[in-house]
Amino acid sequence: MLPLVPQTLPDLHRTDVLIAAAQSDSLVPASSTRLLADLLQRSGAEVTVEWLGGGHGLTAADTATVARWLATRADPRPE
């Protein structure tokens, strides 16, 4: 979903973003997802789009996808 397009893009360099989108979402069309991903990328974000089966609801498979994505970004070094 692309709720607004800012006049000035934010600086999102060094920001990882996961967009988990459903292929059959009746509320958020795929075109909106692609527009959001493009906007975030133009702002400098590292964007991953995961196209999931199903509709607008959240499933166990969706949360597993998010968990796998987060695990690839976890910093194993203590602060």
Protein backbone atom coordinates (compact mmCIF):
# COMPACT_ATOMS: atom_id res chain seq x y z
CA MET A 1 0.00 0.00 0.00
CA LEU A 2 1.28 3.43 -0.89
CA PRO A 3 -0.59 5.82 1.43
CA LEU A 4 1.31 8.92 0.28
CA VAL A 5 4.19 10.04 -1.90
CA PRO A 6 6.41 12.55 -0.09
CA GLN A 7 7.55 15.64 -1.98
CA THR A 8 11.07 15.05 -0.69
CA LEU A 9 12.27 11.47 -0.38
CA PRO A 10 13.73 10.51 2.99
CA ASP A 11 17.30 9.24 3.28
CA LEU A 12 16.89 5.51 3.84
CA HIS A 13 20.46 4.44 3.08
CA ARG A 14 21.57 1.64 5.39
CA THR A 15 17.91 0.68 5.92
CA ASP A 16 16.68 -2.83 5.14
CA VAL A 17 13.01 -3.19 4.27
CA LEU A 18 10.95 -6.34 3.78
CA ILE A 19 7.66 -6.05 1.95
CA ALA A 20 5.66 -9.26 2.38
CA ALA A 21 2.86 -9.02 -0.15
CA ALA A 22 0.15 -11.46 -1.09
CA GLN A 23 -0.36 -12.37 -4.71
CA SER A 24 -4.14 -12.39 -4.29
CA ASP A 25 -4.59 -9.45 -1.90
CA SER A 26 -7.97 -7.89 -2.58
CA LEU A 27 -7.14 -4.72 -0.60
CA VAL A 28 -3.60 -3.93 -1.80
CA PRO A 29 -3.01 -4.53 -5.51
CA ALA A 30 0.38 -5.74 -6.72
CA SER A 31 0.87 -2.45 -8.55
CA SER A 32 0.77 -0.56 -5.23
CA THR A 33 3.32 -2.94 -3.76
CA ARG A 34 5.65 -2.36 -6.71
CA LEU A 35 5.22 1.44 -6.40
CA LEU A 36 6.08 1.29 -2.69
CA ALA A 37 9.15 -0.86 -3.33
CA ASP A 38 10.31 1.57 -6.03
CA LEU A 39 9.82 4.59 -3.77
CA LEU A 40 11.78 2.96 -0.95
CA GLN A 41 14.58 1.96 -3.32
CA ARG A 42 14.81 5.49 -4.74
CA SER A 43 15.14 6.66 -1.11
CA GLY A 44 18.18 4.41 -0.74
CA ALA A 45 16.65 1.47 1.13
CA GLU A 46 17.68 -2.11 0.46
CA VAL A 47 14.26 -3.56 -0.39
CA THR A 48 13.25 -7.21 -0.48
CA VAL A 49 9.80 -8.05 -1.83
CA GLU A 50 8.46 -11.48 -0.95
CA TRP A 51 5.38 -12.48 -2.92
CA LEU A 52 3.31 -14.85 -0.81
CA GLY A 53 0.30 -16.98 -1.61
CA GLY A 54 -3.07 -16.14 -0.19
CA GLY A 55 -4.86 -12.89 0.41
CA HIS A 56 -4.77 -10.03 2.89
CA GLY A 57 -4.61 -12.20 6.04
CA LEU A 58 -1.48 -13.21 7.93
CA THR A 59 -0.52 -16.91 7.97
CA ALA A 60 2.11 -19.04 9.70
CA ALA A 61 3.96 -19.23 6.38
CA ASP A 62 4.06 -15.43 6.27
CA THR A 63 5.58 -15.18 9.74
CA ALA A 64 8.13 -17.86 8.82
CA THR A 65 9.13 -15.77 5.78
CA VAL A 66 9.63 -12.73 7.99
CA ALA A 67 11.62 -14.76 10.54
CA ARG A 68 13.95 -16.07 7.82
CA TRP A 69 14.47 -12.53 6.47
CA LEU A 70 15.21 -11.16 9.94
CA ALA A 71 17.66 -13.99 10.62
CA THR A 72 19.71 -12.97 7.59
CA ARG A 73 20.07 -9.49 9.06
CA ALA A 74 20.82 -10.39 12.67
CA ASP A 75 24.18 -9.08 13.86
CA PRO A 76 25.78 -11.87 15.90
CA ARG A 77 28.27 -9.48 17.49
CA PRO A 78 27.36 -8.17 20.94
CA GLU A 79 27.33 -4.40 21.41
